[in-house]
């Protein structure tokens, strides 16, 4: 069922801190200790902005663990796997071609290939669970999605280390090109879905949501094998900035949320048609109720809009530092504004006019295509200061 305003007020009410359990505080302590250890071991190699980002990330991670408890053990497992891979590498990048666990599991390219395969299999499992009315297949799809997102995160974390092993002067946070951000998009969209899947008990929706991730995987595989995009290359000078570590992930939380909303909208339209054509069919009876889909669409767009707004502000500050101006009407900036105005309009009509249902579902789908052009089309068809990932 949908999350009511009363339940949200209860969650954030005056007794919020009093409701924290022992495990909640143990999680918070573990995050603080881990942050302190990172600063103790690598603090001298980090500049001031990187230190501030790390310190600021700690309370965010604590809050995520409090509100989405499965993320606790998941975070530990991902960090352990990435740490194991970094340990296997030592100081020798060639180990990625020699050591068994790196070659077949934990080197960045291997982990990302596992991610790709698991997301495709998860999509099939989710749809099989829906049409065969099998709860176990649905759980299998969810499990594969968790595992796939984890391998994607491991791949990005290990790639971070690989950039420094290739050449310390090249080393960078791996969200700088289309290959890396497509992995990030897949991971963020999957984790957002897993959160909402649990919150709304809407597992039968999984196949539709995973379809957009599978499409991203298909592009990623083509881009990797046809264009050798997985090869590590030096950063464009303008990208060699700590702002990249803030702007890009924040932006892709927005993109991931908008993609999730679009796939929920597709499901809404599919269910609406199924009810009219076959009221007793699988799609009409198994997919979540329209009120749930409508609420999930709204919450996804609201979340995406908030993060996209923050990312746009961060991008403007970064642009002022890199190019001397907050806004230059570069094609990417112009299309970012179009995306922002589109979703601002969607939320305005929802909140002030009470619009919902089929028209808003179509608007969400059209909005995602606008977002997709901003994300990918600008790089394909336009040129400008942001053209760092041409096809």
Protein backbone atom coordinates (compact mmCIF):
# COMPACT_ATOMS: atom_id res chain seq x y z
CA UNK A 1 0.00 0.00 0.00
CA UNK A 2 1.08 3.58 -0.53
CA UNK A 3 2.95 5.54 2.10
CA UNK A 4 0.50 8.02 3.67
CA UNK A 5 1.31 11.54 4.79
CA UNK A 6 0.47 10.50 8.34
CA UNK A 7 2.98 7.67 8.26
CA UNK A 8 5.69 10.01 6.96
CA UNK A 9 4.90 12.53 9.70
CA UNK A 10 5.11 9.71 12.23
CA UNK A 11 8.46 8.58 10.86
CA UNK A 12 9.97 12.07 11.17
CA UNK A 13 8.07 13.16 14.28
CA UNK A 14 9.45 14.29 17.64
CA UNK A 15 10.04 10.72 18.80
CA UNK A 16 12.19 9.84 15.81
CA UNK A 17 15.49 9.59 17.70
CA UNK A 18 13.84 7.79 20.60
CA UNK A 19 12.70 5.06 18.20
CA UNK A 20 16.23 4.24 17.13
CA UNK A 21 17.14 0.69 18.10
CA UNK A 22 20.44 -0.69 19.36
CA UNK A 23 21.23 -1.97 15.87
CA UNK A 24 20.55 1.51 14.48
CA UNK A 25 23.15 3.00 16.82
CA UNK A 26 25.59 0.17 16.11
CA UNK A 27 25.24 0.95 12.41
CA UNK A 28 25.92 4.62 13.07
CA UNK A 29 28.98 3.72 15.16
CA UNK A 30 30.28 1.41 12.43
CA UNK A 31 30.00 4.17 9.81
CA UNK A 32 31.77 6.68 12.06
CA UNK A 33 34.58 4.21 12.81
CA UNK A 34 34.98 3.31 9.13
CA UNK A 35 35.14 7.01 8.20
CA UNK A 36 37.79 7.61 10.88
CA UNK A 37 39.85 4.66 9.62
CA UNK A 38 39.72 5.92 6.03
CA UNK A 39 40.90 9.33 7.17
CA UNK A 40 43.67 7.76 9.27
CA UNK A 41 44.96 5.57 6.44
CA UNK A 42 44.40 7.77 3.38
CA UNK A 43 43.78 11.20 4.87
CA UNK A 44 47.17 12.59 3.87
CA UNK A 45 46.47 11.72 0.21
CA UNK A 46 43.10 13.50 0.26
CA UNK A 47 42.67 17.19 -0.30
CA UNK A 48 40.32 19.34 1.78
CA UNK A 49 37.26 19.03 -0.51
CA UNK A 50 37.62 15.23 -0.64
CA UNK A 51 37.82 15.12 3.14
CA UNK A 52 34.68 17.24 3.45
CA UNK A 53 32.85 15.00 0.96
CA UNK A 54 33.79 11.90 2.94
CA UNK A 55 32.78 13.43 6.27
CA UNK A 56 29.51 14.67 4.77
CA UNK A 57 28.76 11.28 3.27
CA UNK A 58 28.93 9.54 6.66
CA UNK A 59 25.67 10.97 8.12
CA UNK A 60 23.94 10.38 4.78
CA UNK A 61 24.97 6.71 4.89
CA UNK A 62 23.80 6.45 8.50
CA UNK A 63 20.40 7.84 7.55
CA UNK A 64 20.12 5.48 4.59
CA UNK A 65 20.85 2.54 6.86
CA UNK A 66 18.19 3.70 9.32
CA UNK A 67 15.46 4.07 6.70
CA UNK A 68 16.45 1.16 4.46
CA UNK A 69 17.82 -1.46 6.82
CA UNK A 70 18.78 -4.10 4.19
CA UNK A 71 21.35 -1.55 2.99
CA UNK A 72 23.48 -2.12 6.10
CA UNK A 73 24.64 -5.67 5.46
CA UNK A 74 24.65 -4.88 1.75
CA UNK A 75 27.09 -1.99 2.22
CA UNK A 76 29.38 -4.16 4.31
CA UNK A 77 29.32 -6.95 1.69
CA UNK A 78 30.04 -4.57 -1.20
CA UNK A 79 32.91 -2.88 0.66
CA UNK A 80 34.33 -6.28 1.67
CA UNK A 81 34.26 -7.53 -1.93
CA UNK A 82 35.83 -4.33 -3.25
CA UNK A 83 38.44 -4.39 -0.48
CA UNK A 84 39.26 -8.01 -1.32
CA UNK A 85 39.79 -7.06 -4.96
CA UNK A 86 42.00 -4.11 -4.06
CA UNK A 87 44.03 -6.42 -1.80
CA UNK A 88 44.41 -8.95 -4.62
CA UNK A 89 45.67 -6.23 -6.95
CA UNK A 90 48.28 -4.97 -4.51
CA UNK A 91 50.36 -2.52 -6.53
CA UNK A 92 50.25 -4.50 -9.77
CA UNK A 93 47.55 -3.76 -12.35
CA UNK A 94 48.63 -6.84 -14.31
CA UNK A 95 47.23 -8.99 -11.50
CA UNK A 96 43.81 -8.32 -13.00
CA UNK A 97 44.79 -10.59 -15.89
CA UNK A 98 46.40 -13.28 -13.76
CA UNK A 99 44.63 -13.89 -10.44
CA UNK A 100 41.56 -16.11 -10.56
CA UNK A 101 39.15 -14.03 -8.47
CA UNK A 102 40.06 -10.86 -10.33
CA UNK A 103 39.80 -12.40 -13.78
CA UNK A 104 36.45 -14.08 -13.16
CA UNK A 105 34.73 -11.93 -10.54
CA UNK A 106 36.17 -8.78 -9.00
CA UNK A 107 38.26 -6.89 -11.54
CA UNK A 108 36.15 -3.92 -12.62
CA UNK A 109 35.31 -5.25 -16.08
CA UNK A 110 34.51 -8.72 -14.71
CA UNK A 111 32.26 -7.32 -11.98
CA UNK A 112 30.42 -5.10 -14.48
CA UNK A 113 29.87 -8.08 -16.80
CA UNK A 114 28.36 -9.97 -13.84
CA UNK A 115 26.17 -6.95 -13.17
CA UNK A 116 24.98 -6.95 -16.78
CA UNK A 117 24.14 -10.66 -16.81
CA UNK A 118 22.36 -10.52 -13.47
CA UNK A 119 20.16 -7.59 -14.45
CA UNK A 120 19.06 -9.36 -17.64
CA UNK A 121 18.32 -12.56 -15.70
CA UNK A 122 16.50 -10.55 -13.02
CA UNK A 123 14.25 -9.01 -15.69
CA UNK A 124 13.34 -12.46 -17.00
CA UNK A 125 12.77 -13.82 -13.49
CA UNK A 126 10.52 -10.92 -12.54
CA UNK A 127 8.38 -11.34 -15.66
CA UNK A 128 8.27 -15.12 -15.22
CA UNK A 129 7.13 -14.62 -11.63
CA UNK A 130 4.41 -12.24 -12.80
CA UNK A 131 2.99 -14.35 -15.62
CA UNK A 132 3.42 -17.73 -13.89
CA UNK A 133 2.07 -16.31 -10.62
CA UNK A 134 5.19 -17.55 -8.85
CA UNK A 135 6.31 -15.77 -5.68
CA UNK A 136 9.59 -17.71 -5.66
CA UNK A 137 10.53 -16.49 -9.13
CA UNK A 138 9.72 -12.94 -8.03
CA UNK A 139 12.03 -13.35 -5.04
CA UNK A 140 14.70 -14.73 -7.36
CA UNK A 141 14.38 -11.61 -9.53
CA UNK A 142 14.74 -9.39 -6.47
CA UNK A 143 17.77 -11.36 -5.28
CA UNK A 144 19.44 -11.07 -8.67
CA UNK A 145 18.75 -7.35 -8.71
CA UNK A 146 20.43 -6.95 -5.32
CA UNK A 147 23.39 -9.03 -6.50
CA UNK A 148 23.63 -7.21 -9.83
CA UNK A 149 23.62 -3.76 -8.22
CA UNK A 150 26.26 -4.96 -5.77
CA UNK A 151 28.54 -6.17 -8.55
CA UNK A 152 28.09 -2.86 -10.34
CA UNK A 153 29.15 -0.98 -7.22
CA UNK A 154 32.12 -3.30 -6.75
CA UNK A 155 33.08 -2.70 -10.37
CA UNK A 156 33.06 1.08 -9.93
CA UNK A 157 34.98 0.97 -6.63
CA UNK A 158 37.63 -1.36 -8.04
CA UNK A 159 37.88 0.69 -11.23
CA UNK A 160 38.66 3.68 -8.99
CA UNK A 161 41.70 1.81 -7.72
CA UNK A 162 42.63 0.60 -11.20
CA UNK A 163 42.86 4.18 -12.47
CA UNK A 164 45.57 4.87 -9.89
CA UNK A 165 47.37 1.58 -10.58
CA UNK A 166 47.50 2.44 -14.28
CA UNK A 167 49.10 5.79 -13.49
CA UNK A 168 48.81 7.81 -10.25
CA UNK A 169 48.56 10.98 -12.33
CA UNK A 170 45.53 9.55 -14.16
CA UNK A 171 43.68 8.31 -11.06
CA UNK A 172 40.11 9.62 -10.78
CA UNK A 173 36.66 8.93 -9.37
CA UNK A 174 35.04 6.72 -12.06
CA UNK A 175 32.00 8.74 -13.12
CA UNK A 176 33.62 10.70 -15.93
CA UNK A 177 32.50 9.08 -19.21
CA UNK A 178 29.45 7.39 -20.73
CA UNK A 179 30.66 3.90 -19.87
CA UNK A 180 31.07 4.68 -16.18
CA UNK A 181 27.89 6.72 -15.83
CA UNK A 182 25.82 4.02 -17.52
CA UNK A 183 27.02 1.61 -14.84
CA UNK A 184 26.15 4.23 -12.23
CA UNK A 185 22.69 4.70 -13.80
CA UNK A 186 22.00 0.95 -13.68
CA UNK A 187 23.07 0.68 -10.05
CA UNK A 188 21.17 3.74 -8.81
CA UNK A 189 17.96 2.83 -10.66
CA UNK A 190 18.13 -0.72 -9.30
CA UNK A 191 18.67 0.39 -5.70
CA UNK A 192 15.86 2.95 -5.94
CA UNK A 193 13.58 0.21 -7.23
CA UNK A 194 14.57 -2.20 -4.45
CA UNK A 195 13.74 0.45 -1.86
CA UNK A 196 10.32 1.13 -3.35
CA UNK A 197 9.69 -2.56 -3.96
CA UNK A 198 10.01 -3.18 -0.24
CA UNK A 199 8.15 -0.02 0.76
CA UNK A 200 5.16 -0.67 -1.52
CA UNK A 201 5.24 -4.50 -1.58
CA UNK A 202 5.09 -4.22 -5.36
CA UNK A 203 7.36 -7.02 -6.57
CA UNK A 204 5.17 -7.82 -9.60
CA UNK A 205 6.18 -4.44 -10.98
CA UNK A 206 9.85 -5.49 -11.10
CA UNK A 207 9.99 -6.76 -14.68
CA UNK A 208 8.77 -3.44 -16.06
CA UNK A 209 11.28 -1.44 -14.01
CA UNK A 210 14.18 -3.76 -14.83
CA UNK A 211 13.41 -3.38 -18.54
CA UNK A 212 14.90 0.11 -18.59
CA UNK A 213 17.99 -1.19 -16.77
CA UNK A 214 18.30 -4.04 -19.28
CA UNK A 215 18.13 -1.49 -22.10
CA UNK A 216 20.95 0.45 -20.43
CA UNK A 217 22.93 -2.80 -20.10
CA UNK A 218 22.47 -3.47 -23.83
CA UNK A 219 23.88 -0.03 -24.63
CA UNK A 220 26.71 -0.55 -22.14
CA UNK A 221 27.71 -3.87 -23.71
CA UNK A 222 27.62 -2.44 -27.22
CA UNK A 223 29.60 0.60 -26.11
CA UNK A 224 32.12 -1.60 -24.35
CA UNK A 225 32.71 -4.20 -27.07
CA UNK A 226 32.30 -2.01 -30.15
CA UNK A 227 34.07 1.10 -28.88
CA UNK A 228 36.36 -0.35 -26.18
CA UNK A 229 34.82 2.19 -23.82
CA UNK A 230 35.93 0.25 -20.75
CA UNK A 231 39.54 1.24 -21.34
CA UNK A 232 40.80 3.75 -18.77
CA UNK A 233 41.89 7.05 -20.26
CA UNK A 234 43.09 10.34 -18.75
CA UNK A 235 40.44 12.84 -17.74
CA UNK A 236 39.56 15.88 -19.77
CA UNK A 237 41.10 18.75 -17.69
CA UNK A 238 37.74 20.32 -16.83
CA UNK A 239 36.60 17.02 -15.28
CA UNK A 240 39.58 16.84 -12.97
CA UNK A 241 37.65 18.49 -10.17
CA UNK A 242 36.16 17.50 -6.82
CA UNK A 243 32.84 18.93 -8.10
CA UNK A 244 32.54 15.88 -10.33
CA UNK A 245 32.29 13.66 -7.24
CA UNK A 246 29.22 15.63 -6.13
CA UNK A 247 27.52 16.74 -9.35
CA UNK A 248 27.49 13.48 -11.30
CA UNK A 249 26.17 11.05 -8.63
CA UNK A 250 23.55 13.59 -7.56
CA UNK A 251 22.49 14.06 -11.17
CA UNK A 252 22.14 10.32 -11.70
CA UNK A 253 19.96 9.85 -8.66
CA UNK A 254 17.65 12.23 -10.49
CA UNK A 255 17.98 10.33 -13.77
CA UNK A 256 17.41 7.00 -12.03
CA UNK A 257 14.29 8.27 -10.27
CA UNK A 258 12.90 9.69 -13.51
CA UNK A 259 13.54 6.35 -15.26
CA UNK A 260 11.77 4.51 -12.45
CA UNK A 261 8.79 6.88 -12.69
CA UNK A 262 8.57 6.34 -16.45
CA UNK A 263 8.50 2.56 -16.10
CA UNK A 264 5.85 2.83 -13.39
CA UNK A 265 3.90 4.99 -15.84
CA UNK A 266 4.24 2.31 -18.53
CA UNK A 267 2.92 -0.23 -16.03
CA UNK A 268 0.01 2.07 -15.19
CA UNK A 269 -0.99 2.28 -18.86
CA UNK A 270 -0.52 -1.47 -19.40
CA UNK A 271 -2.67 -2.25 -16.40
CA UNK A 272 -5.31 0.27 -17.42
CA UNK A 273 -5.62 -1.34 -20.84
CA UNK A 274 -5.55 -4.86 -19.39
CA UNK A 275 -8.42 -4.07 -17.03
CA UNK A 276 -10.55 -2.84 -19.93
CA UNK A 277 -9.72 -5.79 -22.19
CA UNK A 278 -9.42 -8.70 -19.73
CA UNK A 279 -10.42 -7.82 -16.14
CA UNK A 280 -9.56 -11.30 -14.88
CA UNK A 281 -6.20 -11.55 -16.65
CA UNK A 282 -2.76 -11.73 -15.08
CA UNK A 283 -1.86 -8.08 -15.72
CA UNK A 284 -5.18 -6.78 -14.44
CA UNK A 285 -5.11 -8.81 -11.24
CA UNK A 286 -1.43 -9.09 -10.38
CA UNK A 287 -0.08 -5.60 -11.05
CA UNK A 288 -0.38 -3.04 -8.22
CA UNK A 289 -3.55 -0.98 -7.92
CA UNK A 290 -3.71 2.34 -9.82
CA UNK A 291 -3.51 4.35 -6.57
CA UNK A 292 -0.24 2.65 -5.65
CA UNK A 293 1.25 3.13 -9.12
CA UNK A 294 0.16 6.76 -9.16
CA UNK A 295 1.68 7.41 -5.74
CA UNK A 296 4.92 5.63 -6.63
CA UNK A 297 5.19 7.65 -9.84
CA UNK A 298 4.70 10.88 -7.88
CA UNK A 299 7.23 10.02 -5.19
CA UNK A 300 9.82 8.95 -7.75
CA UNK A 301 9.46 12.20 -9.69
CA UNK A 302 9.53 14.27 -6.50
CA UNK A 303 12.74 12.54 -5.40
CA UNK A 304 14.31 12.88 -8.84
CA UNK A 305 13.34 16.53 -9.09
CA UNK A 306 14.92 17.33 -5.72
CA UNK A 307 18.23 15.69 -6.62
CA UNK A 308 18.22 17.04 -10.17
CA UNK A 309 17.74 20.55 -8.79
CA UNK A 310 20.67 20.12 -6.41
CA UNK A 311 22.79 18.67 -9.23
CA UNK A 312 21.96 21.63 -11.48
CA UNK A 313 23.05 24.08 -8.78
CA UNK A 314 26.26 22.11 -8.19
CA UNK A 315 26.88 22.05 -11.93
CA UNK A 316 26.50 25.83 -12.14
CA UNK A 317 29.03 26.32 -9.36
CA UNK A 318 31.40 23.88 -11.08
CA UNK A 319 30.95 25.73 -14.40
CA UNK A 320 31.82 29.03 -12.73
CA UNK A 321 35.05 27.50 -11.46
CA UNK A 322 35.95 25.73 -14.72
CA UNK A 323 34.76 28.20 -17.37
CA UNK A 324 34.24 31.46 -15.49
CA UNK A 325 30.44 31.59 -15.70
CA UNK A 326 27.53 29.96 -13.93
CA UNK A 327 25.47 29.54 -17.10
CA UNK A 328 26.56 29.65 -20.74
CA UNK A 329 23.52 28.20 -22.55
CA UNK A 330 25.63 25.25 -23.57
CA UNK A 331 23.38 22.51 -25.14
CA UNK A 332 23.63 20.31 -22.04
CA UNK A 333 22.71 23.23 -19.78
CA UNK A 334 19.80 24.21 -22.00
CA UNK A 335 18.41 20.69 -22.06
CA UNK A 336 18.92 20.36 -18.32
CA UNK A 337 16.73 23.43 -17.92
CA UNK A 338 14.10 21.85 -20.20
CA UNK A 339 14.15 18.68 -18.07
CA UNK A 340 13.82 20.73 -14.90
CA UNK A 341 10.91 22.77 -16.28
CA UNK A 342 9.17 19.62 -17.49
CA UNK A 343 9.18 17.95 -14.09
CA UNK A 344 8.47 21.22 -12.30
CA UNK A 345 5.34 21.46 -14.44
CA UNK A 346 4.43 17.84 -13.70
CA UNK A 347 4.71 18.36 -9.95
CA UNK A 348 2.87 21.68 -10.12
CA UNK A 349 -0.12 20.14 -11.87
CA UNK A 350 -0.12 17.19 -9.51
CA UNK A 351 0.06 19.27 -6.32
CA UNK A 352 -2.08 22.26 -7.24
CA UNK A 353 -4.60 20.80 -9.70
CA UNK A 354 -4.74 17.23 -8.44
CA UNK A 355 -3.94 15.76 -11.85
CA UNK A 356 -3.28 12.01 -11.79
CA UNK A 357 -3.88 8.85 -13.75
CA UNK A 358 -3.42 8.27 -17.48
CA UNK A 359 -2.49 11.86 -18.54
CA UNK A 360 0.22 12.07 -15.89
CA UNK A 361 1.51 8.64 -16.86
CA UNK A 362 1.94 9.77 -20.46
CA UNK A 363 3.57 12.98 -19.26
CA UNK A 364 6.04 10.95 -17.18
CA UNK A 365 6.98 8.82 -20.19
CA UNK A 366 7.45 11.84 -22.44
CA UNK A 367 9.47 13.50 -19.66
CA UNK A 368 11.82 10.53 -19.53
CA UNK A 369 12.47 10.77 -23.28
CA UNK A 370 13.31 14.44 -22.76
CA UNK A 371 15.65 13.37 -19.94
CA UNK A 372 17.17 10.68 -22.14
CA UNK A 373 17.96 13.23 -24.81
CA UNK A 374 19.59 15.45 -22.21
CA UNK A 375 21.59 12.50 -20.89
CA UNK A 376 22.56 10.84 -24.18
CA UNK A 377 21.18 12.68 -27.19
CA UNK A 378 23.14 15.87 -26.52
CA UNK A 379 26.35 13.83 -26.76
CA UNK A 380 25.19 12.15 -29.98
CA UNK A 381 23.77 15.07 -31.94
CA UNK A 382 25.03 18.30 -30.39
CA UNK A 383 28.39 19.71 -29.38
CA UNK A 384 29.43 21.94 -26.56
CA UNK A 385 31.45 22.28 -23.40
CA UNK A 386 29.88 19.10 -21.98
CA UNK A 387 30.74 16.84 -24.91
CA UNK A 388 32.89 14.37 -23.00
CA UNK A 389 31.22 11.13 -24.06
CA UNK A 390 30.73 11.23 -27.81
CA UNK A 391 29.56 8.08 -29.53
